Amino acid sequence: MSYQVEISALSDTALINLRGTKTALGNFESALEMEFPKSAQAVCSREGITVLSLAPDHWWVRTAIQNEEQMFDTLAEAVAAEHAAVTVVTDHFSGFSIVGAEASLVLRQGLSLDLRRLTSGQCTRGSFARCGGTLQVVHDRHHYDLFVEASYTDYISTWFGVASGTVSERGR
């Protein structure tokens, strides 16, 4: 069975991991000229920048790969005098975009969470197809972005092929 879904690699996305106190948060917000999500599992976006709140003191900043170095420098400079961490993690993770009317059906096969409880503008971490994953709900039940550790890229690519029905289990 084939699903109505398109799965593609997010090869043009940079990820920067942020950790810090409330003071550092204020500095991050000033540096990017945007308000960060105030609760865990929330997402805020503005042109070219998306911030995922993973915990009260932990965020990911998503931007275009060509902006990675400038974004890192801006954020690191903003908290240079604070107890905070700014780390480029782009190479540590691989991203996948899952888009289509049946995107949630494909993800449900490997995700240990109830997708019906997640709406647009949320993110979460959990077990995905026997590895860890970070999921951003871009558009409720239609578009999701999933990030896994880069060492699982080939495995997850094959998993998506089998789960979406585009690759048979015998053909792999």
C-alpha atoms as a PDB file:
ATOM      1  CA  MET A   1       0.000   0.000   0.000  1.00  0.00           C
ATOM      2  CA  SER A   2       1.330   3.402  -0.950  1.00  0.00           C
ATOM      3  CA  TYR A   3       0.453   6.532   1.044  1.00  0.00           C
ATOM      4  CA  GLN A   4      -0.269  10.055  -0.188  1.00  0.00           C
ATOM      5  CA  VAL A   5       2.892  11.535   1.257  1.00  0.00           C
ATOM      6  CA  GLU A   6       6.123  13.134   0.072  1.00  0.00           C
ATOM      7  CA  ILE A   7       9.250  12.595   2.141  1.00  0.00           C
ATOM      8  CA  SER A   8      12.373  14.620   1.449  1.00  0.00           C
ATOM      9  CA  ALA A   9      15.674  15.384   3.150  1.00  0.00           C
ATOM     10  CA  LEU A  10      16.117  18.801   4.746  1.00  0.00           C
ATOM     11  CA  SER A  11      19.623  19.362   3.441  1.00  0.00           C
ATOM     12  CA  ASP A  12      19.449  23.171   3.516  1.00  0.00           C
ATOM     13  CA  THR A  13      18.657  23.514   7.241  1.00  0.00           C
ATOM     14  CA  ALA A  14      21.088  24.653   9.924  1.00  0.00           C
ATOM     15  CA  LEU A  15      20.490  23.791  13.582  1.00  0.00           C
ATOM     16  CA  ILE A  16      21.961  25.685  16.513  1.00  0.00           C
ATOM     17  CA  ASN A  17      21.477  24.314  20.023  1.00  0.00           C
ATOM     18  CA  LEU A  18      20.993  26.877  22.805  1.00  0.00           C
ATOM     19  CA  ARG A  19      21.081  26.368  26.577  1.00  0.00           C
ATOM     20  CA  GLY A  20      20.831  29.117  29.143  1.00  0.00           C
ATOM     21  CA  THR A  21      19.233  30.958  32.029  1.00  0.00           C
ATOM     22  CA  LYS A  22      16.390  33.482  31.838  1.00  0.00           C
ATOM     23  CA  THR A  23      18.975  36.230  31.413  1.00  0.00           C
ATOM     24  CA  ALA A  24      20.539  34.358  28.497  1.00  0.00           C
ATOM     25  CA  LEU A  25      17.056  33.869  27.023  1.00  0.00           C
ATOM     26  CA  GLY A  26      16.504  37.636  27.042  1.00  0.00           C
ATOM     27  CA  ASN A  27      19.837  38.130  25.300  1.00  0.00           C
ATOM     28  CA  PHE A  28      19.000  35.487  22.663  1.00  0.00           C
ATOM     29  CA  GLU A  29      15.654  37.188  22.022  1.00  0.00           C
ATOM     30  CA  SER A  30      17.282  40.619  21.683  1.00  0.00           C
ATOM     31  CA  ALA A  31      19.947  39.276  19.342  1.00  0.00           C
ATOM     32  CA  LEU A  32      17.379  37.691  17.023  1.00  0.00           C
ATOM     33  CA  GLU A  33      14.783  40.429  17.522  1.00  0.00           C
ATOM     34  CA  MET A  34      12.070  37.897  18.266  1.00  0.00           C
ATOM     35  CA  GLU A  35      10.316  36.423  21.255  1.00  0.00           C
ATOM     36  CA  PHE A  36      11.152  32.809  22.034  1.00  0.00           C
ATOM     37  CA  PRO A  37       8.472  30.279  23.013  1.00  0.00           C
ATOM     38  CA  LYS A  38       7.761  30.488  26.743  1.00  0.00           C
ATOM     39  CA  SER A  39       6.695  26.879  27.183  1.00  0.00           C
ATOM     40  CA  ALA A  40       8.351  23.596  26.290  1.00  0.00           C
ATOM     41  CA  GLN A  41       7.230  21.963  23.055  1.00  0.00           C
ATOM     42  CA  ALA A  42       6.289  25.285  21.443  1.00  0.00           C
ATOM     43  CA  VAL A  43       7.611  26.820  18.222  1.00  0.00           C
ATOM     44  CA  CYS A  44       7.960  30.454  17.142  1.00  0.00           C
ATOM     45  CA  SER A  45       8.911  31.609  13.668  1.00  0.00           C
ATOM     46  CA  ARG A  46       9.714  34.713  11.735  1.00  0.00           C
ATOM     47  CA  GLU A  47      11.165  35.110   8.275  1.00  0.00           C
ATOM     48  CA  GLY A  48      14.102  32.720   7.959  1.00  0.00           C
ATOM     49  CA  ILE A  49      14.260  31.699  11.631  1.00  0.00           C
ATOM     50  CA  THR A  50      12.360  29.093  13.638  1.00  0.00           C
ATOM     51  CA  VAL A  51      12.895  28.502  17.354  1.00  0.00           C
ATOM     52  CA  LEU A  52      11.877  25.191  18.933  1.00  0.00           C
ATOM     53  CA  SER A  53      11.552  25.128  22.721  1.00  0.00           C
ATOM     54  CA  LEU A  54      12.692  21.711  23.916  1.00  0.00           C
ATOM     55  CA  ALA A  55      12.814  22.493  27.653  1.00  0.00           C
ATOM     56  CA  PRO A  56      12.612  25.614  29.858  1.00  0.00           C
ATOM     57  CA  ASP A  57      16.334  26.266  29.315  1.00  0.00           C
ATOM     58  CA  HIS A  58      16.860  24.523  25.940  1.00  0.00           C
ATOM     59  CA  TRP A  59      16.072  25.662  22.390  1.00  0.00           C
ATOM     60  CA  TRP A  60      16.957  24.849  18.805  1.00  0.00           C
ATOM     61  CA  VAL A  61      17.265  27.600  16.241  1.00  0.00           C
ATOM     62  CA  ARG A  62      16.542  26.541  12.647  1.00  0.00           C
ATOM     63  CA  THR A  63      17.724  28.701   9.783  1.00  0.00           C
ATOM     64  CA  ALA A  64      19.051  28.343   6.251  1.00  0.00           C
ATOM     65  CA  ILE A  65      22.429  26.639   6.002  1.00  0.00           C
ATOM     66  CA  GLN A  66      23.982  29.719   4.380  1.00  0.00           C
ATOM     67  CA  ASN A  67      23.101  31.722   7.542  1.00  0.00           C
ATOM     68  CA  GLU A  68      24.587  29.222   9.984  1.00  0.00           C
ATOM     69  CA  GLU A  69      27.898  30.957  10.714  1.00  0.00           C
ATOM     70  CA  GLN A  70      26.392  34.434  11.044  1.00  0.00           C
ATOM     71  CA  MET A  71      23.588  33.114  13.263  1.00  0.00           C
ATOM     72  CA  PHE A  72      26.082  31.296  15.490  1.00  0.00           C
ATOM     73  CA  ASP A  73      28.263  34.405  15.834  1.00  0.00           C
ATOM     74  CA  THR A  74      25.247  36.594  16.673  1.00  0.00           C
ATOM     75  CA  LEU A  75      23.946  34.206  19.335  1.00  0.00           C
ATOM     76  CA  ALA A  76      27.361  33.465  20.870  1.00  0.00           C
ATOM     77  CA  GLU A  77      28.155  37.172  21.117  1.00  0.00           C
ATOM     78  CA  ALA A  78      24.786  37.835  22.764  1.00  0.00           C
ATOM     79  CA  VAL A  79      25.607  35.557  25.709  1.00  0.00           C
ATOM     80  CA  ALA A  80      29.386  35.931  25.887  1.00  0.00           C
ATOM     81  CA  ALA A  81      29.180  37.213  29.486  1.00  0.00           C
ATOM     82  CA  GLU A  82      26.459  34.768  30.568  1.00  0.00           C
ATOM     83  CA  HIS A  83      26.311  31.175  31.732  1.00  0.00           C
ATOM     84  CA  ALA A  84      24.983  29.781  28.449  1.00  0.00           C
ATOM     85  CA  ALA A  85      25.892  27.479  25.572  1.00  0.00           C
ATOM     86  CA  VAL A  86      25.586  28.026  21.829  1.00  0.00           C
ATOM     87  CA  THR A  87      26.495  24.982  19.728  1.00  0.00           C
ATOM     88  CA  VAL A  88      26.176  24.295  16.010  1.00  0.00           C
ATOM     89  CA  VAL A  89      24.602  20.832  15.724  1.00  0.00           C
ATOM     90  CA  THR A  90      23.774  20.847  12.002  1.00  0.00           C
ATOM     91  CA  ASP A  91      26.112  17.962  11.202  1.00  0.00           C
ATOM     92  CA  HIS A  92      24.917  15.949  14.199  1.00  0.00           C
ATOM     93  CA  PHE A  93      21.330  15.696  12.926  1.00  0.00           C
ATOM     94  CA  SER A  94      19.570  14.855   9.675  1.00  0.00           C
ATOM     95  CA  GLY A  95      16.173  16.297   8.906  1.00  0.00           C
ATOM     96  CA  PHE A  96      13.257  14.903   6.939  1.00  0.00           C
ATOM     97  CA  SER A  97      10.158  16.707   5.738  1.00  0.00           C
ATOM     98  CA  ILE A  98       7.008  14.563   5.682  1.00  0.00           C
ATOM     99  CA  VAL A  99       4.205  16.257   3.753  1.00  0.00           C
ATOM    100  CA  GLY A 100       0.836  15.033   2.542  1.00  0.00           C
ATOM    101  CA  ALA A 101      -2.690  14.081   3.452  1.00  0.00           C
ATOM    102  CA  GLU A 102      -1.456  10.844   5.046  1.00  0.00           C
ATOM    103  CA  ALA A 103       1.735  12.135   6.674  1.00  0.00           C
ATOM    104  CA  SER A 104       0.477  11.343  10.165  1.00  0.00           C
ATOM    105  CA  LEU A 105      -0.371   7.762   9.105  1.00  0.00           C
ATOM    106  CA  VAL A 106       3.231   7.172   8.039  1.00  0.00           C
ATOM    107  CA  LEU A 107       4.668   8.763  11.188  1.00  0.00           C
ATOM    108  CA  ARG A 108       2.328   6.817  13.483  1.00  0.00           C
ATOM    109  CA  GLN A 109       4.020   3.602  12.382  1.00  0.00           C
ATOM    110  CA  GLY A 110       7.256   4.603  14.091  1.00  0.00           C
ATOM    111  CA  LEU A 111       6.401   7.312  16.602  1.00  0.00           C
ATOM    112  CA  SER A 112       5.626   6.498  20.205  1.00  0.00           C
ATOM    113  CA  LEU A 113       3.410   9.596  20.608  1.00  0.00           C
ATOM    114  CA  ASP A 114      -0.221  10.326  19.807  1.00  0.00           C
ATOM    115  CA  LEU A 115       0.001  12.801  16.908  1.00  0.00           C
ATOM    116  CA  ARG A 116      -3.625  13.818  17.392  1.00  0.00           C
ATOM    117  CA  ARG A 117      -2.536  15.690  20.520  1.00  0.00           C
ATOM    118  CA  LEU A 118       0.036  17.788  18.632  1.00  0.00           C
ATOM    119  CA  THR A 119      -0.964  20.823  16.611  1.00  0.00           C
ATOM    120  CA  SER A 120       0.752  23.306  14.315  1.00  0.00           C
ATOM    121  CA  GLY A 121       3.391  25.288  16.163  1.00  0.00           C
ATOM    122  CA  GLN A 122       4.426  22.499  18.496  1.00  0.00           C
ATOM    123  CA  CYS A 123       7.466  20.251  18.732  1.00  0.00           C
ATOM    124  CA  THR A 124       8.415  17.240  20.801  1.00  0.00           C
ATOM    125  CA  ARG A 125      11.050  14.625  21.300  1.00  0.00           C
ATOM    126  CA  GLY A 126      10.420  10.933  21.487  1.00  0.00           C
ATOM    127  CA  SER A 127      11.247   7.483  20.274  1.00  0.00           C
ATOM    128  CA  PHE A 128      10.985   7.125  16.508  1.00  0.00           C
ATOM    129  CA  ALA A 129      11.581   3.834  14.661  1.00  0.00           C
ATOM    130  CA  ARG A 130      13.961   2.528  17.343  1.00  0.00           C
ATOM    131  CA  CYS A 131      15.959   5.751  17.585  1.00  0.00           C
ATOM    132  CA  GLY A 132      15.373   9.167  19.084  1.00  0.00           C
ATOM    133  CA  GLY A 133      13.778  11.950  17.117  1.00  0.00           C
ATOM    134  CA  THR A 134      12.708  15.569  17.392  1.00  0.00           C
ATOM    135  CA  LEU A 135       9.450  16.341  15.615  1.00  0.00           C
ATOM    136  CA  GLN A 136       8.165  19.763  14.581  1.00  0.00           C
ATOM    137  CA  VAL A 137       4.515  20.045  13.565  1.00  0.00           C
ATOM    138  CA  VAL A 138       4.654  22.531  10.702  1.00  0.00           C
ATOM    139  CA  HIS A 139       1.034  22.096   9.619  1.00  0.00           C
ATOM    140  CA  ASP A 140      -1.361  20.006  11.687  1.00  0.00           C
ATOM    141  CA  ARG A 141      -1.759  16.448  10.278  1.00  0.00           C
ATOM    142  CA  HIS A 142      -0.245  17.486   6.940  1.00  0.00           C
ATOM    143  CA  HIS A 143       3.391  18.625   7.315  1.00  0.00           C
ATOM    144  CA  TYR A 144       5.959  17.460   9.843  1.00  0.00           C
ATOM    145  CA  ASP A 145       9.725  17.929  10.055  1.00  0.00           C
ATOM    146  CA  LEU A 146      11.654  15.182  11.847  1.00  0.00           C
ATOM    147  CA  PHE A 147      15.267  15.330  13.001  1.00  0.00           C
ATOM    148  CA  VAL A 148      17.294  12.232  13.939  1.00  0.00           C
ATOM    149  CA  GLU A 149      20.956  11.739  14.735  1.00  0.00           C
ATOM    150  CA  ALA A 150      22.956  11.748  11.506  1.00  0.00           C
ATOM    151  CA  SER A 151      24.249   8.212  12.107  1.00  0.00           C
ATOM    152  CA  TYR A 152      20.652   6.987  11.564  1.00  0.00           C
ATOM    153  CA  THR A 153      20.114   8.780   8.232  1.00  0.00           C
ATOM    154  CA  ASP A 154      20.342   5.717   5.969  1.00  0.00           C
ATOM    155  CA  TYR A 155      18.272   3.610   8.350  1.00  0.00           C
ATOM    156  CA  ILE A 156      15.501   6.235   8.595  1.00  0.00           C
ATOM    157  CA  SER A 157      15.544   6.832   4.824  1.00  0.00           C
ATOM    158  CA  THR A 158      14.960   3.118   4.271  1.00  0.00           C
ATOM    159  CA  TRP A 159      12.394   3.012   7.076  1.00  0.00           C
ATOM    160  CA  PHE A 160      10.419   5.842   5.432  1.00  0.00           C
ATOM    161  CA  GLY A 161      10.533   4.015   2.097  1.00  0.00           C
ATOM    162  CA  VAL A 162       9.052   0.862   3.622  1.00  0.00           C
ATOM    163  CA  ALA A 163       6.553   2.701   5.849  1.00  0.00           C
ATOM    164  CA  SER A 164       5.270   4.890   3.014  1.00  0.00           C
ATOM    165  CA  GLY A 165       4.954   1.929   0.653  1.00  0.00           C
ATOM    166  CA  THR A 166       7.472   3.205  -1.914  1.00  0.00           C
ATOM    167  CA  VAL A 167       9.982   0.424  -1.105  1.00  0.00           C
ATOM    168  CA  SER A 168       9.017  -3.161  -0.339  1.00  0.00           C
ATOM    169  CA  GLU A 169      10.586  -4.911   2.638  1.00  0.00           C
ATOM    170  CA  ARG A 170      11.779  -7.647   0.307  1.00  0.00           C
ATOM    171  CA  GLY A 171      13.322  -5.125  -2.066  1.00  0.00           C
ATOM    172  CA  ARG A 172      15.629  -3.541   0.456  1.00  0.00           C
END
